[in-house]
Amino acid sequence: MKEQTWDQWLRVCIRDKSSPVKLPHAVPSPMAMLTGQDSRALGAIAACWKLYTNADAIGSRAALDAVRSLLAALQPKCRPFARELIAFAMDWDDRARLWLLVSGEHVALHGESCSG
């Protein structure tokens, strides 16, 4: 079976009413606001979150540094997608802690995993 991609996972979570995903809802489909550059940067960020989960201390620090750098490639309104992708690689409860490490922003987050 083919592995679920970050964008497939986010689409499932956005549609799931019980999902704790917190994204801008100014448009009917939040994913519609992503440019090609945003999508490529988010793909790289998703890979960094996966690296963080399976790396030694040096690799984990490098993954966080890479996410910090890649955030600049995203439109500011699209940065919450990068935060939500933490749960794609880890758990929903990891979002607040790791997001603070890469963005410096405190965000009140809680919730369960989405079905998908």
C-alpha atoms as a PDB file:
ATOM      1  CA  MET A   1       0.000   0.000   0.000  1.00  0.00           C
ATOM      2  CA  LYS A   2       1.250   3.438  -0.887  1.00  0.00           C
ATOM      3  CA  GLU A   3       2.245   5.739   1.986  1.00  0.00           C
ATOM      4  CA  GLN A   4      -0.097   8.669   2.621  1.00  0.00           C
ATOM      5  CA  THR A   5       1.407  12.023   1.611  1.00  0.00           C
ATOM      6  CA  TRP A   6       1.370  15.131   3.776  1.00  0.00           C
ATOM      7  CA  ASP A   7      -1.185  16.866   1.534  1.00  0.00           C
ATOM      8  CA  GLN A   8      -3.514  13.857   1.449  1.00  0.00           C
ATOM      9  CA  TRP A   9      -3.318  13.679   5.241  1.00  0.00           C
ATOM     10  CA  LEU A  10      -4.086  17.393   5.629  1.00  0.00           C
ATOM     11  CA  ARG A  11      -7.092  17.151   3.288  1.00  0.00           C
ATOM     12  CA  VAL A  12      -8.510  14.297   5.376  1.00  0.00           C
ATOM     13  CA  CYS A  13      -7.940  16.253   8.590  1.00  0.00           C
ATOM     14  CA  ILE A  14      -9.522  19.420   7.201  1.00  0.00           C
ATOM     15  CA  ARG A  15     -12.676  17.477   6.246  1.00  0.00           C
ATOM     16  CA  ASP A  16     -12.846  15.659   9.612  1.00  0.00           C
ATOM     17  CA  LYS A  17     -15.044  17.754  11.920  1.00  0.00           C
ATOM     18  CA  SER A  18     -13.431  16.204  15.013  1.00  0.00           C
ATOM     19  CA  SER A  19      -9.909  17.031  13.839  1.00  0.00           C
ATOM     20  CA  PRO A  20      -7.901  19.527  15.913  1.00  0.00           C
ATOM     21  CA  VAL A  21      -6.384  21.066  12.756  1.00  0.00           C
ATOM     22  CA  LYS A  22      -6.277  24.860  13.113  1.00  0.00           C
ATOM     23  CA  LEU A  23      -5.939  26.486   9.695  1.00  0.00           C
ATOM     24  CA  PRO A  24      -7.127  29.749   8.156  1.00  0.00           C
ATOM     25  CA  HIS A  25     -10.654  29.273   6.860  1.00  0.00           C
ATOM     26  CA  ALA A  26     -10.962  32.485   4.858  1.00  0.00           C
ATOM     27  CA  VAL A  27     -11.476  30.436   1.704  1.00  0.00           C
ATOM     28  CA  PRO A  28     -13.749  27.449   1.117  1.00  0.00           C
ATOM     29  CA  SER A  29     -10.706  25.162   0.887  1.00  0.00           C
ATOM     30  CA  PRO A  30      -7.663  26.255   2.920  1.00  0.00           C
ATOM     31  CA  MET A  31      -5.392  24.192   0.656  1.00  0.00           C
ATOM     32  CA  ALA A  32      -6.373  26.452  -2.256  1.00  0.00           C
ATOM     33  CA  MET A  33      -4.223  29.268  -0.870  1.00  0.00           C
ATOM     34  CA  LEU A  34      -1.010  27.255  -1.307  1.00  0.00           C
ATOM     35  CA  THR A  35       1.265  28.308  -4.157  1.00  0.00           C
ATOM     36  CA  GLY A  36       3.667  25.894  -5.839  1.00  0.00           C
ATOM     37  CA  GLN A  37       6.457  27.213  -3.645  1.00  0.00           C
ATOM     38  CA  ASP A  38       4.345  26.761  -0.517  1.00  0.00           C
ATOM     39  CA  SER A  39       3.590  23.156  -1.486  1.00  0.00           C
ATOM     40  CA  ARG A  40       7.231  22.322  -2.141  1.00  0.00           C
ATOM     41  CA  ALA A  41       8.335  23.977   1.108  1.00  0.00           C
ATOM     42  CA  LEU A  42       5.654  22.075   3.036  1.00  0.00           C
ATOM     43  CA  GLY A  43       6.832  18.818   1.466  1.00  0.00           C
ATOM     44  CA  ALA A  44      10.347  19.593   2.685  1.00  0.00           C
ATOM     45  CA  ILE A  45       9.027  20.536   6.140  1.00  0.00           C
ATOM     46  CA  ALA A  46       7.050  17.284   6.354  1.00  0.00           C
ATOM     47  CA  ALA A  47      10.293  15.409   5.580  1.00  0.00           C
ATOM     48  CA  CYS A  48      12.072  17.402   8.305  1.00  0.00           C
ATOM     49  CA  TRP A  49       9.436  16.468  10.895  1.00  0.00           C
ATOM     50  CA  LYS A  50       9.887  12.796   9.943  1.00  0.00           C
ATOM     51  CA  LEU A  51      13.666  13.166  10.222  1.00  0.00           C
ATOM     52  CA  TYR A  52      13.233  14.754  13.664  1.00  0.00           C
ATOM     53  CA  THR A  53      11.323  11.693  14.886  1.00  0.00           C
ATOM     54  CA  ASN A  54      13.920   9.183  13.698  1.00  0.00           C
ATOM     55  CA  ALA A  55      17.238  10.969  14.171  1.00  0.00           C
ATOM     56  CA  ASP A  56      19.901  11.204  16.822  1.00  0.00           C
ATOM     57  CA  ALA A  57      20.360  14.474  18.736  1.00  0.00           C
ATOM     58  CA  ILE A  58      22.429  16.073  15.971  1.00  0.00           C
ATOM     59  CA  GLY A  59      19.938  15.055  13.288  1.00  0.00           C
ATOM     60  CA  SER A  60      17.006  16.305  15.351  1.00  0.00           C
ATOM     61  CA  ARG A  61      18.651  19.709  15.837  1.00  0.00           C
ATOM     62  CA  ALA A  62      19.418  19.864  12.111  1.00  0.00           C
ATOM     63  CA  ALA A  63      15.783  19.053  11.293  1.00  0.00           C
ATOM     64  CA  LEU A  64      14.571  21.899  13.539  1.00  0.00           C
ATOM     65  CA  ASP A  65      17.092  24.287  11.952  1.00  0.00           C
ATOM     66  CA  ALA A  66      15.876  23.249   8.496  1.00  0.00           C
ATOM     67  CA  VAL A  67      12.226  23.854   9.429  1.00  0.00           C
ATOM     68  CA  ARG A  68      13.147  27.316  10.763  1.00  0.00           C
ATOM     69  CA  SER A  69      14.810  28.126   7.442  1.00  0.00           C
ATOM     70  CA  LEU A  70      11.995  26.697   5.325  1.00  0.00           C
ATOM     71  CA  LEU A  71       9.320  28.733   7.125  1.00  0.00           C
ATOM     72  CA  ALA A  72      10.676  31.797   5.292  1.00  0.00           C
ATOM     73  CA  ALA A  73       9.743  30.147   1.976  1.00  0.00           C
ATOM     74  CA  LEU A  74       6.068  30.030   2.995  1.00  0.00           C
ATOM     75  CA  GLN A  75       3.587  32.852   2.714  1.00  0.00           C
ATOM     76  CA  PRO A  76       2.934  34.010   6.311  1.00  0.00           C
ATOM     77  CA  LYS A  77      -0.722  32.975   6.018  1.00  0.00           C
ATOM     78  CA  CYS A  78       0.397  29.433   5.085  1.00  0.00           C
ATOM     79  CA  ARG A  79       2.754  28.856   8.013  1.00  0.00           C
ATOM     80  CA  PRO A  80       0.031  27.179  10.118  1.00  0.00           C
ATOM     81  CA  PHE A  81       0.169  24.274   7.643  1.00  0.00           C
ATOM     82  CA  ALA A  82       3.766  23.628   8.761  1.00  0.00           C
ATOM     83  CA  ARG A  83       2.609  23.578  12.384  1.00  0.00           C
ATOM     84  CA  GLU A  84      -0.141  21.071  11.653  1.00  0.00           C
ATOM     85  CA  LEU A  85       2.303  18.775   9.842  1.00  0.00           C
ATOM     86  CA  ILE A  86       4.000  18.095  13.172  1.00  0.00           C
ATOM     87  CA  ALA A  87       1.086  15.755  13.920  1.00  0.00           C
ATOM     88  CA  PHE A  88       1.563  14.044  10.534  1.00  0.00           C
ATOM     89  CA  ALA A  89       4.952  12.765  11.716  1.00  0.00           C
ATOM     90  CA  MET A  90       4.291  12.642  15.471  1.00  0.00           C
ATOM     91  CA  ASP A  91       1.319  13.282  17.786  1.00  0.00           C
ATOM     92  CA  TRP A  92      -1.113  16.154  18.098  1.00  0.00           C
ATOM     93  CA  ASP A  93       0.287  16.933  21.545  1.00  0.00           C
ATOM     94  CA  ASP A  94       3.750  17.590  20.069  1.00  0.00           C
ATOM     95  CA  ARG A  95       2.579  20.610  18.054  1.00  0.00           C
ATOM     96  CA  ALA A  96       2.730  23.340  20.702  1.00  0.00           C
ATOM     97  CA  ARG A  97       6.176  22.322  22.017  1.00  0.00           C
ATOM     98  CA  LEU A  98       7.843  21.923  18.635  1.00  0.00           C
ATOM     99  CA  TRP A  99       6.155  24.917  17.033  1.00  0.00           C
ATOM    100  CA  LEU A 100       7.547  27.111  19.800  1.00  0.00           C
ATOM    101  CA  LEU A 101      11.046  25.760  19.083  1.00  0.00           C
ATOM    102  CA  VAL A 102      10.931  26.626  15.373  1.00  0.00           C
ATOM    103  CA  SER A 103       8.753  29.740  15.293  1.00  0.00           C
ATOM    104  CA  GLY A 104       8.951  31.283  18.750  1.00  0.00           C
ATOM    105  CA  GLU A 105       5.131  31.468  18.768  1.00  0.00           C
ATOM    106  CA  HIS A 106       3.056  30.145  21.660  1.00  0.00           C
ATOM    107  CA  VAL A 107      -0.097  28.546  20.310  1.00  0.00           C
ATOM    108  CA  ALA A 108      -2.825  27.002  22.445  1.00  0.00           C
ATOM    109  CA  LEU A 109      -3.475  23.635  20.815  1.00  0.00           C
ATOM    110  CA  HIS A 110      -5.169  20.478  21.928  1.00  0.00           C
ATOM    111  CA  GLY A 111      -7.054  17.590  20.390  1.00  0.00           C
ATOM    112  CA  GLU A 112      -7.190  14.048  19.158  1.00  0.00           C
ATOM    113  CA  SER A 113      -5.827  12.472  16.019  1.00  0.00           C
ATOM    114  CA  CYS A 114      -7.866  12.678  12.863  1.00  0.00           C
ATOM    115  CA  SER A 115      -9.088   9.591  11.087  1.00  0.00           C
ATOM    116  CA  GLY A 116      -7.476   8.950   7.792  1.00  0.00           C
END
